[in-house]
Protein backbone atom coordinates (compact mmCIF):
# COMPACT_ATOMS: atom_id res chain seq x y z
CA MET A 1 0.07 -0.41 0.26
CA ASP A 2 1.44 3.36 -1.14
CA ASP A 3 1.45 6.50 0.82
CA GLN A 4 -1.08 8.06 -1.37
CA VAL A 5 -3.39 5.02 -0.61
CA ARG A 6 -2.84 4.77 3.08
CA ALA A 7 -3.50 9.13 3.08
CA TYR A 8 -6.95 8.50 1.18
CA LEU A 9 -7.72 5.22 3.30
CA LYS A 10 -6.93 7.58 6.73
CA GLN A 11 -9.82 10.04 5.30
CA ASN A 12 -12.43 8.01 3.85
CA HIS A 13 -14.35 4.89 5.29
CA SER A 14 -17.19 4.69 3.05
CA ALA A 15 -17.14 1.93 1.08
CA ALA A 16 -19.00 -0.08 -1.75
CA MET A 17 -18.02 -3.92 -0.93
CA ILE A 18 -18.40 -6.42 -3.62
CA SER A 19 -18.28 -9.79 -3.20
CA LEU A 20 -19.14 -12.93 -5.61
CA ARG A 21 -22.14 -15.05 -5.52
CA ARG A 22 -21.91 -18.72 -6.57
CA ASP A 23 -22.57 -17.97 -10.31
CA GLY A 24 -20.09 -15.23 -10.28
CA THR A 25 -22.39 -12.47 -10.09
CA PRO A 26 -21.04 -9.39 -8.05
CA HIS A 27 -23.31 -8.25 -4.99
CA ALA A 28 -22.80 -5.15 -3.69
CA VAL A 29 -23.29 -3.25 -0.30
CA ARG A 30 -22.09 -0.25 1.51
CA VAL A 31 -19.65 -1.00 4.43
CA GLY A 32 -17.64 1.30 6.84
CA ILE A 33 -13.53 0.67 6.50
CA ALA A 34 -10.52 1.95 8.31
CA LEU A 35 -6.58 1.43 8.40
CA VAL A 36 -6.47 -0.79 11.89
CA VAL A 37 -2.82 -1.44 12.56
CA GLY A 38 -1.82 -0.66 8.81
CA LYS A 39 -4.58 -3.53 7.37
CA ILE A 40 -8.00 -2.06 6.04
CA TRP A 41 -10.81 -3.54 8.32
CA SER A 42 -14.57 -3.98 7.81
CA SER A 43 -17.14 -5.43 10.28
CA GLY A 44 -19.78 -8.07 9.41
CA THR A 45 -21.96 -11.19 11.20
CA GLN A 46 -21.53 -14.56 10.96
CA THR A 47 -25.13 -14.68 9.11
CA ARG A 48 -24.13 -11.61 6.42
CA LEU A 49 -24.55 -13.02 2.81
CA ARG A 50 -21.34 -11.69 2.18
CA THR A 51 -19.67 -13.65 4.45
CA ARG A 52 -20.91 -16.81 3.09
CA HIS A 53 -19.60 -15.74 -0.47
CA LEU A 54 -16.28 -14.86 1.08
CA ARG A 55 -15.83 -17.66 2.90
CA ARG A 56 -16.28 -19.87 -0.47
CA ASP A 57 -14.25 -17.34 -2.49
CA PRO A 58 -12.04 -14.63 -0.97
CA ARG A 59 -11.70 -11.77 -3.55
CA SER A 60 -13.67 -8.92 -3.23
CA THR A 61 -13.46 -5.40 -4.47
CA LEU A 62 -13.67 -2.15 -2.05
CA PHE A 63 -14.82 1.04 -3.93
CA VAL A 64 -14.01 3.51 -1.46
CA PHE A 65 -15.18 7.33 -1.77
CA GLU A 66 -15.77 10.57 -0.59
CA GLY A 67 -18.51 13.69 -1.39
CA GLN A 68 -16.78 14.97 -4.02
CA TRP A 69 -14.70 13.24 -7.21
CA ARG A 70 -12.28 10.98 -6.15
CA TRP A 71 -12.49 7.49 -5.42
CA LEU A 72 -10.20 4.35 -5.25
CA ALA A 73 -10.61 0.73 -6.27
CA LEU A 74 -8.91 -1.83 -4.43
CA GLU A 75 -8.91 -5.73 -5.69
CA CYS A 76 -8.66 -7.99 -2.73
CA ARG A 77 -8.45 -11.19 -0.82
CA VAL A 78 -10.18 -11.25 2.26
CA THR A 79 -9.87 -12.93 5.57
CA ILE A 80 -12.23 -13.62 7.90
CA LEU A 81 -11.23 -12.75 11.59
CA ASP A 82 -13.79 -14.43 13.65
CA GLY A 83 -11.80 -15.82 16.94
CA PRO A 84 -12.27 -14.63 20.41
CA GLU A 85 -10.63 -11.27 19.68
CA ALA A 86 -13.17 -9.91 17.03
CA PRO A 87 -15.45 -8.11 19.42
CA GLN A 88 -12.23 -6.26 20.96
CA GLN A 89 -10.93 -5.83 17.16
CA ASN A 90 -14.43 -4.14 16.57
CA LEU A 91 -14.29 -1.96 19.13
CA ARG A 92 -10.70 -0.98 17.99
CA LEU A 93 -12.15 -0.46 14.55
CA PHE A 94 -14.91 1.72 15.46
CA GLN A 95 -12.90 3.65 17.65
CA VAL A 96 -10.92 4.75 14.44
CA MET A 97 -13.90 5.16 12.30
CA GLN A 98 -15.23 7.39 15.23
CA GLN A 99 -12.14 9.75 15.40
CA GLY A 100 -12.64 13.57 14.99
CA MET A 101 -16.61 12.46 16.33
CA PRO A 102 -18.24 13.90 19.31
CA VAL A 103 -18.10 10.77 21.36
CA GLU A 104 -17.66 10.41 24.95
CA PRO A 105 -14.65 9.18 26.33
CA GLY A 106 -15.27 5.28 26.98
CA HIS A 107 -18.04 5.34 24.37
CA VAL A 108 -18.82 4.27 21.02
CA ILE A 109 -21.92 4.99 18.67
CA TRP A 110 -23.65 2.15 17.50
CA TYR A 111 -26.74 2.80 15.56
CA GLY A 112 -26.70 6.50 16.47
CA GLN A 113 -26.60 5.45 20.36
CA PRO A 114 -23.67 5.86 22.74
CA LEU A 115 -22.78 2.70 24.28
CA THR A 116 -19.87 2.21 26.73
CA HIS A 117 -17.08 -0.20 25.74
CA ASP A 118 -18.36 -3.01 27.61
CA GLN A 119 -21.99 -2.46 26.28
CA PHE A 120 -20.46 -2.19 22.94
CA LEU A 121 -18.45 -5.67 23.51
CA ASP A 122 -21.44 -7.31 24.81
CA ARG A 123 -23.47 -6.23 21.31
CA MET A 124 -20.52 -7.77 19.46
CA VAL A 125 -20.56 -10.83 20.71
CA GLN A 126 -24.36 -10.87 20.75
CA GLU A 127 -24.09 -10.57 16.87
CA GLN A 128 -21.64 -12.56 16.20
CA ARG A 129 -19.61 -9.89 14.69
CA LEU A 130 -16.34 -10.40 12.89
CA ILE A 131 -14.05 -8.72 11.04
CA TYR A 132 -13.32 -8.77 7.03
CA GLU A 133 -9.51 -8.14 6.75
CA PHE A 134 -8.63 -6.97 2.80
CA GLU A 135 -5.43 -7.71 1.27
CA ILE A 136 -4.55 -5.11 -1.56
CA GLN A 137 -4.15 -7.35 -4.68
CA ARG A 138 -4.11 -4.16 -7.03
CA ALA A 139 -5.19 -0.75 -6.31
CA TYR A 140 -6.37 2.20 -9.08
CA GLY A 141 -8.73 5.32 -9.17
CA MET A 142 -8.89 8.64 -8.53
CA TYR A 143 -7.44 9.45 -5.18
CA GLY A 144 -4.41 11.15 -4.98
CA GLU A 145 -2.72 14.54 -6.82
CA THR A 146 -2.61 12.53 -9.79
CA PRO A 147 -5.20 9.82 -10.91
CA ALA A 148 -3.20 6.11 -10.91
CA ARG A 149 -4.11 3.58 -13.12
CA ALA A 150 -4.35 -0.07 -13.12
CA GLY A 151 -1.08 -2.35 -14.44
């Protein structure tokens, strides 16, 4: 991941995540993403359709966007992190995504409501939350000083 990609991802957390159905057609959903410990993470659950798609075929494309004209496409391989540390990983993800927001210390916003860290972790367990970790295979778009092209 080059510095321009990293800088763009630090500022932009909205993306469309495309996974592949069994017949090869794309399935797109809007997701939140963030760089956490140098890796691109997004949250999901055990029961999400995209989780089933990724367990069968780990290829995914992220289309990261902002409110203006800039965009970034990332062709990736996804690893699903669903071990006992997944609730804590989700907490870290949402803390990064919510940096700069008016959130009380020790709280995270979840569906518009502030939850304490303990309440949030309990909710992550209840919802069977996991993390999608994206390994970039190719990046292209109009996200930096000059347009980047796929190679």
